[in-house]
Amino acid sequence: MGLNKACLGKKYNPGIVFKVLKEPSPEVPFGTKTYALAYNDDNPWFLDESRPGGIIAPPMFGVVYSGPVVALTFFDEELNVNMPKLVHGEQDMYFHNVVRPGDEIRSEGEITEILEKETGEIYSVNVRSWNQKDELVLEAKYTFFIRGDKKGVKKEEKEETYPPPVFSQTMKLKDNQSLIYAEASGDRNPIHTDENFAKMVGLPGIILQGLCTMAIAQKAVIDEVLDRDPTRLKRLKVRFSKPVLNGETLTTKGWIIEKKGNITVLGFIVENQNGVIVVKDGIAEVLK
């Protein structure tokens, strides 16, 4: 029994208010500074409390305050998600307003897509989040793939070519990177924390959260293109194409696609130390 297509259009409006804190507390076990450190960021906008105006949350912290709404879909018996077979397929995020410690965020979700594929099923959740001033701070689309038992015919992968990069950044992952990110983000799916479980469901071992890889790409864009100013990042979109293992080395490479008004659209990929592309079809929209 697969996903229940009758849940298409189902809304999740839990009325949960997420209080944004700098550091974890007994009440809220997540903090903006802790999140930044979990993907190895060192940007003073996120960490230096003495900077003018104080610190702000990394744009990707949006997955923490919007995550509880998405998690409702995982455990919705009516939808019937097979959690051990679930992996993150794509993520698309629009950042409308800066989020700061002290803000209170509420989010609402809706299932906007349920598809059957030869090798599994796909479903998407659209989430919108507002702060205590009723300002829209985030719009995000989470797309998940539930691996089926049928493998199907393996398509021949054609070699893709990309323009010469205008920016590049390399990061060596920690040997326990997925465990650190799990605690800072709340994404404790055992495929990211339990070696035996990950292998039992057909993975090569513990894999890094896709959203951690996305946060690393965010860091590259902000550091290398935006003079470390995160308020200029307006959109980030990725497709997770291959698993990432703890301890690997990731390189984000990007190029300019187009300029429209005050927005520059960048394309990017993330590849590992063997040249395998682990994130493709990356898009970043940034203010000039």
Protein backbone atom coordinates (compact mmCIF):
# COMPACT_ATOMS: atom_id res chain seq x y z
CA MET A 1 0.00 0.00 0.00
CA GLY A 2 1.53 3.27 -1.13
CA LEU A 3 0.77 6.93 -0.64
CA ASN A 4 -2.89 7.87 -0.38
CA LYS A 5 -3.64 10.13 -3.35
CA ALA A 6 -6.78 11.34 -1.59
CA CYS A 7 -4.42 13.43 0.58
CA LEU A 8 -3.49 15.66 -2.36
CA GLY A 9 -4.35 19.20 -1.25
CA LYS A 10 -4.47 18.26 2.43
CA LYS A 11 -3.44 21.18 4.63
CA TYR A 12 -1.47 21.11 7.87
CA ASN A 13 -2.11 24.10 10.10
CA PRO A 14 -1.02 23.00 13.55
CA GLY A 15 -0.96 26.43 15.17
CA ILE A 16 2.57 25.76 16.42
CA VAL A 17 4.62 28.87 17.18
CA PHE A 18 8.37 28.33 16.88
CA LYS A 19 10.43 30.64 19.08
CA VAL A 20 13.76 31.46 17.45
CA LEU A 21 16.69 31.33 19.90
CA LYS A 22 20.44 31.85 19.56
CA GLU A 23 21.26 28.73 21.57
CA PRO A 24 19.27 25.59 22.38
CA SER A 25 17.19 25.61 25.56
CA PRO A 26 15.11 23.02 27.43
CA GLU A 27 12.04 24.62 25.85
CA VAL A 28 13.42 24.86 22.28
CA PRO A 29 16.29 22.43 21.56
CA PHE A 30 17.50 24.37 18.50
CA GLY A 31 19.48 27.58 18.09
CA THR A 32 20.53 29.71 15.14
CA LYS A 33 24.20 29.73 16.17
CA THR A 34 24.22 25.99 16.79
CA TYR A 35 22.66 25.43 13.37
CA ALA A 36 25.32 27.54 11.61
CA LEU A 37 28.10 25.60 13.33
CA ALA A 38 26.46 22.28 12.38
CA TYR A 39 27.37 22.81 8.72
CA ASN A 40 30.74 24.44 9.59
CA ASP A 41 29.85 28.07 8.98
CA ASP A 42 31.96 30.85 10.49
CA ASN A 43 30.07 33.87 9.16
CA PRO A 44 29.96 36.70 11.76
CA TRP A 45 26.42 37.57 10.61
CA PHE A 46 25.38 34.32 12.31
CA LEU A 47 27.87 34.07 15.18
CA ASP A 48 29.28 37.44 16.30
CA GLU A 49 26.80 38.94 18.76
CA SER A 50 28.83 42.16 18.96
CA ARG A 51 28.24 43.03 15.29
CA PRO A 52 26.00 46.06 14.61
CA GLY A 53 22.38 44.95 14.65
CA GLY A 54 23.22 41.65 16.30
CA ILE A 55 23.15 38.22 14.67
CA ILE A 56 20.57 36.78 12.30
CA ALA A 57 19.54 33.23 11.48
CA PRO A 58 21.16 31.56 8.47
CA PRO A 59 18.62 31.50 5.62
CA MET A 60 18.67 27.67 5.72
CA PHE A 61 17.52 27.79 9.35
CA GLY A 62 14.13 27.96 7.66
CA VAL A 63 14.18 24.16 7.51
CA VAL A 64 14.27 24.09 11.33
CA TYR A 65 11.26 26.32 12.01
CA SER A 66 9.24 24.94 9.08
CA GLY A 67 10.31 21.36 9.72
CA PRO A 68 7.68 20.50 12.35
CA VAL A 69 4.90 21.07 9.81
CA VAL A 70 6.63 18.83 7.27
CA ALA A 71 7.15 16.17 9.96
CA LEU A 72 3.38 15.99 10.40
CA THR A 73 3.17 14.47 6.93
CA PHE A 74 5.69 11.75 7.83
CA PHE A 75 3.49 10.43 10.62
CA ASP A 76 0.11 11.07 9.03
CA GLU A 77 -1.49 7.61 8.99
CA GLU A 78 -3.89 8.72 6.28
CA LEU A 79 -1.03 9.69 3.94
CA ASN A 80 0.88 6.45 4.73
CA VAL A 81 4.54 7.44 4.27
CA ASN A 82 7.04 4.55 4.35
CA MET A 83 9.68 6.33 6.46
CA PRO A 84 12.53 3.76 6.15
CA LYS A 85 12.36 4.15 2.36
CA LEU A 86 12.07 7.94 2.33
CA VAL A 87 14.85 10.18 1.02
CA HIS A 88 14.88 13.90 0.26
CA GLY A 89 14.67 14.50 -3.49
CA GLU A 90 14.49 18.27 -4.03
CA GLN A 91 14.22 21.49 -2.05
CA ASP A 92 13.25 24.98 -3.19
CA MET A 93 13.27 27.93 -0.78
CA TYR A 94 12.38 31.62 -1.17
CA PHE A 95 13.66 33.89 1.60
CA HIS A 96 11.35 36.89 1.96
CA ASN A 97 12.42 38.43 5.27
CA VAL A 98 15.36 38.10 7.65
CA VAL A 99 14.74 35.95 10.74
CA ARG A 100 16.39 36.94 14.04
CA PRO A 101 16.65 35.41 17.50
CA GLY A 102 13.55 36.49 19.40
CA ASP A 103 11.23 36.08 16.42
CA GLU A 104 8.22 33.80 16.69
CA ILE A 105 7.39 31.86 13.54
CA ARG A 106 4.23 30.02 12.55
CA SER A 107 4.05 27.76 9.50
CA GLU A 108 1.39 26.10 7.40
CA GLY A 109 1.82 23.23 4.95
CA GLU A 110 -0.05 21.66 2.04
CA ILE A 111 0.53 18.48 0.05
CA THR A 112 0.78 19.70 -3.53
CA GLU A 113 2.01 16.62 -5.40
CA ILE A 114 1.69 12.82 -5.18
CA LEU A 115 3.19 10.90 -8.11
CA GLU A 116 3.94 7.28 -8.91
CA LYS A 117 7.24 6.52 -10.61
CA GLU A 118 8.65 3.25 -11.94
CA THR A 119 11.04 3.03 -9.02
CA GLY A 120 8.95 4.56 -6.25
CA GLU A 121 6.70 7.46 -5.28
CA ILE A 122 7.13 11.21 -4.96
CA TYR A 123 5.25 13.68 -2.82
CA SER A 124 5.74 17.38 -2.22
CA VAL A 125 4.83 19.67 0.66
CA ASN A 126 4.61 23.43 0.21
CA VAL A 127 5.22 25.42 3.40
CA ARG A 128 4.73 29.11 4.14
CA SER A 129 6.04 30.75 7.32
CA TRP A 130 5.25 34.12 8.96
CA ASN A 131 6.81 36.00 11.84
CA GLN A 132 5.05 37.67 14.80
CA LYS A 133 4.40 40.75 12.63
CA ASP A 134 2.54 38.58 10.08
CA GLU A 135 5.35 39.18 7.59
CA LEU A 136 5.98 36.29 5.20
CA VAL A 137 9.52 35.12 5.88
CA LEU A 138 9.73 31.86 3.91
CA GLU A 139 8.12 29.87 1.13
CA ALA A 140 9.52 26.36 0.69
CA LYS A 141 8.76 23.27 -1.36
CA TYR A 142 9.94 19.96 0.11
CA THR A 143 9.95 17.04 -2.34
CA PHE A 144 10.48 13.50 -1.08
CA PHE A 145 11.12 10.22 -2.87
CA ILE A 146 9.98 6.93 -1.39
CA ARG A 147 12.10 4.16 -2.85
CA GLY A 148 10.12 1.20 -4.15
CA ASP A 149 11.10 -2.45 -4.39
CA LYS A 150 11.18 -2.35 -8.18
CA LYS A 151 14.47 -1.05 -9.55
CA GLY A 152 13.43 -0.58 -13.16
CA VAL A 153 15.73 -0.17 -16.12
CA LYS A 154 18.80 1.87 -15.31
CA LYS A 155 19.03 4.78 -17.70
CA GLU A 156 22.35 5.55 -19.25
CA GLU A 157 23.62 8.74 -17.67
CA LYS A 158 24.89 11.18 -20.23
CA GLU A 159 27.84 13.28 -19.26
CA GLU A 160 26.71 16.79 -18.44
CA THR A 161 28.76 19.87 -19.18
CA TYR A 162 28.65 23.12 -17.26
CA PRO A 163 29.94 26.65 -17.90
CA PRO A 164 33.27 27.61 -16.36
CA PRO A 165 32.62 28.44 -12.69
CA VAL A 166 32.69 32.05 -11.51
CA PHE A 167 32.91 30.86 -7.91
CA SER A 168 33.99 27.72 -6.11
CA GLN A 169 34.33 26.64 -2.48
CA THR A 170 35.55 23.34 -1.01
CA MET A 171 34.73 21.88 2.41
CA LYS A 172 36.00 18.74 4.15
CA LEU A 173 33.17 17.16 6.16
CA LYS A 174 33.68 15.96 9.70
CA ASP A 175 33.56 12.22 10.32
CA ASN A 176 30.40 12.75 12.40
CA GLN A 177 28.91 15.61 10.36
CA SER A 178 25.46 14.01 9.99
CA LEU A 179 25.20 13.43 13.73
CA ILE A 180 26.07 17.06 14.48
CA TYR A 181 23.55 18.28 11.93
CA ALA A 182 20.90 15.88 13.28
CA GLU A 183 21.06 17.47 16.74
CA ALA A 184 21.10 21.04 15.41
CA SER A 185 18.28 20.59 12.88
CA GLY A 186 16.05 17.88 14.34
CA ASP A 187 16.55 15.62 11.30
CA ARG A 188 17.33 12.44 13.20
CA ASN A 189 16.17 9.96 10.58
CA PRO A 190 18.26 6.84 11.40
CA ILE A 191 19.67 6.75 7.85
CA HIS A 192 21.72 9.76 9.07
CA THR A 193 22.67 8.41 12.49
CA ASP A 194 22.63 4.58 12.52
CA GLU A 195 25.09 2.68 10.31
CA ASN A 196 23.32 -0.66 10.60
CA PHE A 197 19.90 0.82 9.85
CA ALA A 198 21.21 2.72 6.82
CA LYS A 199 22.70 -0.45 5.35
CA MET A 200 19.57 -2.44 6.18
CA VAL A 201 17.48 -0.14 3.94
CA GLY A 202 19.95 -0.41 1.06
CA LEU A 203 22.22 2.59 1.56
CA PRO A 204 26.05 2.38 1.57
CA GLY A 205 26.10 3.52 5.20
CA ILE A 206 25.15 6.62 7.15
CA ILE A 207 24.44 9.39 4.68
CA LEU A 208 24.53 13.14 5.22
CA GLN A 209 21.23 14.99 5.37
CA GLY A 210 20.53 16.53 1.98
CA LEU A 211 19.64 19.77 3.73
CA CYS A 212 23.11 19.86 5.30
CA THR A 213 24.63 19.63 1.82
CA MET A 214 22.27 22.41 0.75
CA ALA A 215 23.38 24.55 3.72
CA ILE A 216 27.00 24.01 2.64
CA ALA A 217 26.07 25.24 -0.85
CA GLN A 218 24.34 28.23 0.77
CA LYS A 219 27.60 29.02 2.58
CA ALA A 220 29.54 28.92 -0.69
CA VAL A 221 27.14 31.34 -2.41
CA ILE A 222 27.10 33.77 0.53
CA ASP A 223 30.88 33.64 1.07
CA GLU A 224 32.04 33.74 -2.53
CA VAL A 225 29.38 35.84 -4.28
CA LEU A 226 27.65 38.03 -1.68
CA ASP A 227 30.61 39.35 0.34
CA ARG A 228 29.26 37.20 3.22
CA ASP A 229 26.00 39.20 3.36
CA PRO A 230 23.22 36.59 3.79
CA THR A 231 20.42 39.15 3.42
CA ARG A 232 21.15 39.23 -0.34
CA LEU A 233 20.23 35.56 -0.82
CA LYS A 234 16.61 35.39 -1.99
CA ARG A 235 16.19 31.85 -3.32
CA LEU A 236 18.00 28.52 -3.13
CA LYS A 237 16.90 25.40 -5.04
CA VAL A 238 18.60 22.00 -5.35
CA ARG A 239 18.08 18.44 -6.54
CA PHE A 240 19.84 15.80 -4.46
CA SER A 241 21.32 13.37 -6.98
CA LYS A 242 23.73 11.11 -5.06
CA PRO A 243 24.25 10.27 -1.37
CA VAL A 244 26.99 12.04 0.60
CA LEU A 245 28.98 10.19 3.25
CA ASN A 246 30.51 11.65 6.39
CA GLY A 247 34.17 12.61 5.96
CA GLU A 248 33.89 13.32 2.24
CA THR A 249 35.07 16.55 0.60
CA LEU A 250 32.46 18.66 -1.17
CA THR A 251 33.05 21.41 -3.72
CA THR A 252 30.35 23.87 -4.76
CA LYS A 253 30.85 25.37 -8.22
CA GLY A 254 28.62 28.04 -9.72
CA TRP A 255 28.10 30.28 -12.74
CA ILE A 256 25.85 33.13 -13.84
CA ILE A 257 22.68 32.12 -15.73
CA GLU A 258 21.10 35.54 -16.20
CA LYS A 259 20.56 38.97 -14.71
CA LYS A 260 17.04 40.36 -14.39
CA GLY A 261 16.50 43.72 -12.73
CA ASN A 262 18.26 43.73 -9.39
CA ILE A 263 18.41 39.91 -9.27
CA THR A 264 21.26 37.73 -10.53
CA VAL A 265 20.36 34.07 -11.15
CA LEU A 266 23.18 31.61 -10.51
CA GLY A 267 23.42 27.95 -11.39
CA PHE A 268 25.52 25.57 -9.31
CA ILE A 269 26.44 21.97 -8.60
CA VAL A 270 28.05 20.25 -5.63
CA GLU A 271 30.48 17.41 -6.27
CA ASN A 272 32.49 15.10 -4.01
CA GLN A 273 36.21 14.40 -4.00
CA ASN A 274 35.78 11.87 -6.84
CA GLY A 275 34.02 14.34 -9.12
CA VAL A 276 30.62 12.69 -8.53
CA ILE A 277 27.84 15.30 -8.63
CA VAL A 278 25.78 15.00 -5.42
CA VAL A 279 23.65 18.12 -5.99
CA LYS A 280 22.56 19.18 -9.45
CA ASP A 281 20.18 21.71 -11.00
CA GLY A 282 21.15 24.17 -8.25
CA ILE A 283 19.67 27.66 -8.52
CA ALA A 284 20.49 30.69 -6.36
CA GLU A 285 18.81 34.05 -6.82
CA VAL A 286 20.74 36.91 -5.26
CA LEU A 287 20.48 40.67 -4.98
CA LYS A 288 23.19 42.59 -6.79
